[in-house]
Amino acid sequence: MGKNQKKIVKRDTKARARAFITKDSLIAEAVEKYPEIAPALLEAGVACVGCHISHFETLEQGLSGHGGYSEKQVSKIVKMLNELVLLERGKGAKVNK
């Protein structure tokens, strides 16, 4: 593999490992940017994906407040949301977070 190819592979690997969504992401911004996560959030009990409060509420606040999830569970759900984004967008890689 040539030097340029190694750089491309390294850059692509870093991009795949990066988290698109964090627990501090605002619900409205996350859903607007990644609409494929809306059904998963609804299933998790975060019914406010489309309400006006979602512009001010983070995923962590929504999941713990509306879904009753612990901090550890919130982290797992956020990781799952990131994996969903990668799968839906054809990347098929695991998120390292």
N, C-alpha and C. Protein backbone atom coordinates (compact mmCIF):
# COMPACT_ATOMS: atom_id res chain seq x y z
N MET A 1 0.85 -1.17 0.00
CA MET A 1 0.00 0.00 0.00
C MET A 1 0.90 1.23 0.00
N GLY A 2 0.57 2.17 -0.86
CA GLY A 2 1.37 3.38 -0.97
C GLY A 2 1.13 4.34 0.18
N LYS A 3 1.99 5.34 0.28
CA LYS A 3 1.92 6.32 1.36
C LYS A 3 0.58 7.07 1.37
N ASN A 4 0.13 7.48 0.19
CA ASN A 4 -1.14 8.21 0.10
C ASN A 4 -2.32 7.33 0.48
N GLN A 5 -2.28 6.06 0.08
CA GLN A 5 -3.36 5.13 0.42
C GLN A 5 -3.43 4.92 1.93
N LYS A 6 -2.27 4.84 2.59
CA LYS A 6 -2.25 4.67 4.04
C LYS A 6 -2.88 5.87 4.73
N LYS A 7 -2.61 7.07 4.22
CA LYS A 7 -3.19 8.28 4.81
C LYS A 7 -4.71 8.27 4.67
N ILE A 8 -5.19 7.84 3.51
CA ILE A 8 -6.63 7.80 3.27
C ILE A 8 -7.29 6.79 4.20
N VAL A 9 -6.70 5.62 4.34
CA VAL A 9 -7.25 4.58 5.22
C VAL A 9 -7.26 5.08 6.66
N LYS A 10 -6.17 5.71 7.09
CA LYS A 10 -6.08 6.21 8.46
C LYS A 10 -7.14 7.29 8.71
N ARG A 11 -7.30 8.21 7.77
CA ARG A 11 -8.28 9.28 7.92
C ARG A 11 -9.69 8.70 7.95
N ASP A 12 -9.98 7.73 7.08
CA ASP A 12 -11.30 7.12 7.02
C ASP A 12 -11.60 6.37 8.32
N THR A 13 -10.61 5.68 8.86
CA THR A 13 -10.78 4.94 10.11
C THR A 13 -11.09 5.90 11.26
N LYS A 14 -10.38 7.02 11.31
CA LYS A 14 -10.64 8.01 12.36
C LYS A 14 -12.05 8.58 12.23
N ALA A 15 -12.47 8.85 11.02
CA ALA A 15 -13.80 9.41 10.80
C ALA A 15 -14.88 8.43 11.24
N ARG A 16 -14.68 7.16 10.99
CA ARG A 16 -15.67 6.16 11.39
C ARG A 16 -15.72 6.00 12.90
N ALA A 17 -14.59 6.14 13.57
CA ALA A 17 -14.54 5.93 15.00
C ALA A 17 -15.09 7.14 15.78
N ARG A 18 -15.19 8.26 15.13
CA ARG A 18 -15.64 9.48 15.78
C ARG A 18 -17.13 9.36 16.10
N ALA A 19 -17.50 9.91 17.21
CA ALA A 19 -18.90 9.90 17.60
C ALA A 19 -19.63 11.05 16.93
N PHE A 20 -20.69 10.76 16.23
CA PHE A 20 -21.50 11.78 15.58
C PHE A 20 -22.42 12.45 16.61
N ILE A 21 -22.86 11.65 17.55
CA ILE A 21 -23.83 12.09 18.55
C ILE A 21 -23.21 11.85 19.92
N THR A 22 -23.40 12.80 20.83
CA THR A 22 -22.93 12.62 22.20
C THR A 22 -24.12 12.79 23.15
N LYS A 23 -23.90 12.48 24.40
CA LYS A 23 -24.97 12.64 25.39
C LYS A 23 -25.33 14.11 25.55
N ASP A 24 -24.41 15.00 25.17
CA ASP A 24 -24.64 16.44 25.28
C ASP A 24 -25.26 17.05 24.02
N SER A 25 -25.50 16.23 23.00
CA SER A 25 -26.14 16.72 21.78
C SER A 25 -27.58 17.12 22.10
N LEU A 26 -28.00 18.25 21.55
CA LEU A 26 -29.40 18.65 21.70
C LEU A 26 -30.26 17.71 20.86
N ILE A 27 -31.38 17.31 21.41
CA ILE A 27 -32.24 16.34 20.73
C ILE A 27 -32.63 16.83 19.34
N ALA A 28 -33.09 18.07 19.24
CA ALA A 28 -33.54 18.60 17.95
C ALA A 28 -32.42 18.63 16.93
N GLU A 29 -31.23 19.05 17.35
CA GLU A 29 -30.10 19.10 16.42
C GLU A 29 -29.70 17.71 15.95
N ALA A 30 -29.67 16.76 16.88
CA ALA A 30 -29.29 15.39 16.53
C ALA A 30 -30.29 14.78 15.55
N VAL A 31 -31.58 14.99 15.80
CA VAL A 31 -32.62 14.42 14.92
C VAL A 31 -32.63 15.13 13.57
N GLU A 32 -32.38 16.43 13.58
CA GLU A 32 -32.34 17.17 12.31
C GLU A 32 -31.17 16.69 11.44
N LYS A 33 -30.03 16.49 12.08
CA LYS A 33 -28.84 16.07 11.34
C LYS A 33 -28.89 14.58 10.99
N TYR A 34 -29.45 13.77 11.88
CA TYR A 34 -29.50 12.31 11.70
C TYR A 34 -30.94 11.83 11.92
N PRO A 35 -31.84 12.08 10.99
CA PRO A 35 -33.25 11.71 11.18
C PRO A 35 -33.48 10.22 11.40
N GLU A 36 -32.51 9.40 11.00
CA GLU A 36 -32.67 7.96 11.18
C GLU A 36 -32.69 7.54 12.64
N ILE A 37 -32.30 8.43 13.57
CA ILE A 37 -32.32 8.07 14.99
C ILE A 37 -33.67 8.32 15.65
N ALA A 38 -34.57 9.05 14.99
CA ALA A 38 -35.86 9.39 15.60
C ALA A 38 -36.65 8.17 16.06
N PRO A 39 -36.82 7.13 15.24
CA PRO A 39 -37.58 5.96 15.71
C PRO A 39 -36.95 5.30 16.95
N ALA A 40 -35.63 5.25 17.00
CA ALA A 40 -34.96 4.65 18.16
C ALA A 40 -35.20 5.49 19.41
N LEU A 41 -35.17 6.81 19.27
CA LEU A 41 -35.43 7.67 20.43
C LEU A 41 -36.88 7.52 20.90
N LEU A 42 -37.80 7.46 19.97
CA LEU A 42 -39.20 7.25 20.33
C LEU A 42 -39.39 5.93 21.07
N GLU A 43 -38.73 4.90 20.58
CA GLU A 43 -38.82 3.58 21.22
C GLU A 43 -38.21 3.61 22.62
N ALA A 44 -37.20 4.46 22.81
CA ALA A 44 -36.54 4.57 24.12
C ALA A 44 -37.33 5.45 25.09
N GLY A 45 -38.46 6.00 24.64
CA GLY A 45 -39.30 6.79 25.52
C GLY A 45 -39.10 8.29 25.40
N VAL A 46 -38.29 8.72 24.46
CA VAL A 46 -38.05 10.15 24.26
C VAL A 46 -39.03 10.63 23.18
N ALA A 47 -40.25 10.90 23.62
CA ALA A 47 -41.31 11.29 22.69
C ALA A 47 -41.21 12.75 22.27
N CYS A 48 -40.29 13.48 22.87
CA CYS A 48 -40.17 14.91 22.59
C CYS A 48 -39.28 15.21 21.38
N VAL A 49 -39.04 14.24 20.52
CA VAL A 49 -38.14 14.46 19.38
C VAL A 49 -38.61 15.60 18.48
N GLY A 50 -39.89 15.88 18.46
CA GLY A 50 -40.39 16.93 17.59
C GLY A 50 -40.96 18.13 18.32
N CYS A 51 -40.93 18.13 19.64
CA CYS A 51 -41.53 19.25 20.37
C CYS A 51 -40.53 20.40 20.53
N HIS A 52 -41.03 21.56 20.93
CA HIS A 52 -40.18 22.75 21.03
C HIS A 52 -39.12 22.64 22.11
N ILE A 53 -39.33 21.84 23.12
CA ILE A 53 -38.35 21.67 24.19
C ILE A 53 -37.11 20.93 23.69
N SER A 54 -37.25 20.14 22.64
CA SER A 54 -36.11 19.36 22.13
C SER A 54 -34.97 20.25 21.64
N HIS A 55 -35.25 21.54 21.43
CA HIS A 55 -34.20 22.48 21.01
C HIS A 55 -33.32 22.90 22.19
N PHE A 56 -33.76 22.58 23.41
CA PHE A 56 -33.04 22.98 24.61
C PHE A 56 -32.63 21.80 25.48
N GLU A 57 -33.09 20.61 25.14
CA GLU A 57 -32.85 19.42 25.96
C GLU A 57 -31.82 18.52 25.30
N THR A 58 -30.84 18.07 26.09
CA THR A 58 -29.82 17.16 25.56
C THR A 58 -30.35 15.74 25.53
N LEU A 59 -29.65 14.89 24.80
CA LEU A 59 -30.04 13.47 24.78
C LEU A 59 -29.99 12.88 26.18
N GLU A 60 -28.97 13.24 26.95
CA GLU A 60 -28.86 12.72 28.31
C GLU A 60 -30.07 13.15 29.15
N GLN A 61 -30.45 14.40 29.05
CA GLN A 61 -31.61 14.88 29.80
C GLN A 61 -32.89 14.18 29.36
N GLY A 62 -33.06 14.02 28.06
CA GLY A 62 -34.25 13.36 27.55
C GLY A 62 -34.33 11.90 27.93
N LEU A 63 -33.20 11.21 27.79
CA LEU A 63 -33.19 9.77 28.11
C LEU A 63 -33.35 9.52 29.60
N SER A 64 -32.70 10.32 30.43
CA SER A 64 -32.82 10.09 31.87
C SER A 64 -34.14 10.62 32.41
N GLY A 65 -34.61 11.75 31.88
CA GLY A 65 -35.84 12.35 32.37
C GLY A 65 -37.10 11.67 31.87
N HIS A 66 -37.14 11.32 30.61
CA HIS A 66 -38.35 10.73 30.02
C HIS A 66 -38.30 9.21 29.99
N GLY A 67 -37.11 8.66 29.83
CA GLY A 67 -36.98 7.21 29.75
C GLY A 67 -36.55 6.56 31.05
N GLY A 68 -36.08 7.38 32.01
CA GLY A 68 -35.65 6.86 33.29
C GLY A 68 -34.36 6.06 33.24
N TYR A 69 -33.52 6.34 32.25
CA TYR A 69 -32.28 5.58 32.06
C TYR A 69 -31.16 6.11 32.95
N SER A 70 -30.31 5.18 33.40
CA SER A 70 -29.14 5.54 34.19
C SER A 70 -28.06 6.12 33.28
N GLU A 71 -27.02 6.67 33.88
CA GLU A 71 -25.92 7.24 33.11
C GLU A 71 -25.26 6.18 32.22
N LYS A 72 -25.10 4.98 32.76
CA LYS A 72 -24.51 3.88 31.98
C LYS A 72 -25.42 3.50 30.81
N GLN A 73 -26.71 3.43 31.05
CA GLN A 73 -27.65 3.10 29.98
C GLN A 73 -27.68 4.19 28.92
N VAL A 74 -27.59 5.45 29.35
CA VAL A 74 -27.55 6.57 28.40
C VAL A 74 -26.34 6.42 27.48
N SER A 75 -25.19 6.09 28.06
CA SER A 75 -23.97 5.91 27.25
C SER A 75 -24.16 4.80 26.22
N LYS A 76 -24.78 3.70 26.63
CA LYS A 76 -25.02 2.59 25.70
C LYS A 76 -25.98 3.00 24.58
N ILE A 77 -27.01 3.74 24.93
CA ILE A 77 -27.97 4.18 23.91
C ILE A 77 -27.31 5.14 22.93
N VAL A 78 -26.50 6.06 23.44
CA VAL A 78 -25.80 7.01 22.56
C VAL A 78 -24.87 6.26 21.61
N LYS A 79 -24.18 5.25 22.13
CA LYS A 79 -23.31 4.44 21.27
C LYS A 79 -24.14 3.73 20.19
N MET A 80 -25.28 3.20 20.59
CA MET A 80 -26.16 2.53 19.63
C MET A 80 -26.66 3.50 18.56
N LEU A 81 -26.98 4.73 18.96
CA LEU A 81 -27.43 5.74 18.00
C LEU A 81 -26.34 6.05 16.98
N ASN A 82 -25.10 6.15 17.46
CA ASN A 82 -23.98 6.39 16.55
C ASN A 82 -23.79 5.23 15.59
N GLU A 83 -23.92 4.01 16.08
CA GLU A 83 -23.79 2.84 15.20
C GLU A 83 -24.92 2.81 14.18
N LEU A 84 -26.10 3.21 14.59
CA LEU A 84 -27.24 3.29 13.68
C LEU A 84 -26.96 4.29 12.55
N VAL A 85 -26.41 5.44 12.91
CA VAL A 85 -26.06 6.44 11.89
C VAL A 85 -25.06 5.87 10.90
N LEU A 86 -24.04 5.20 11.42
CA LEU A 86 -23.02 4.62 10.53
C LEU A 86 -23.62 3.55 9.62
N LEU A 87 -24.46 2.70 10.17
CA LEU A 87 -25.07 1.65 9.36
C LEU A 87 -26.01 2.22 8.31
N GLU A 88 -26.82 3.19 8.70
CA GLU A 88 -27.77 3.80 7.77
C GLU A 88 -27.07 4.54 6.65
N ARG A 89 -25.90 5.05 6.92
CA ARG A 89 -25.17 5.82 5.91
C ARG A 89 -24.15 4.98 5.17
N GLY A 90 -24.21 3.66 5.36
CA GLY A 90 -23.40 2.74 4.58
C GLY A 90 -21.97 2.57 5.02
N LYS A 91 -21.64 3.04 6.21
CA LYS A 91 -20.26 2.92 6.68
C LYS A 91 -20.01 1.53 7.26
N GLY A 92 -20.97 1.03 8.04
CA GLY A 92 -20.86 -0.32 8.59
C GLY A 92 -19.74 -0.52 9.59
N ALA A 93 -19.28 0.54 10.25
CA ALA A 93 -18.19 0.41 11.22
C ALA A 93 -18.73 0.58 12.63
N LYS A 94 -18.00 0.08 13.58
CA LYS A 94 -18.36 0.23 14.98
C LYS A 94 -17.84 1.56 15.49
N VAL A 95 -18.54 2.14 16.44
CA VAL A 95 -18.12 3.39 17.05
C VAL A 95 -17.34 3.06 18.30
N ASN A 96 -16.18 3.65 18.46
CA ASN A 96 -15.33 3.41 19.63
C ASN A 96 -15.60 4.46 20.69
N LYS A 97 -16.69 4.32 21.38
CA LYS A 97 -16.98 5.27 22.45
C LYS A 97 -17.73 4.57 23.54
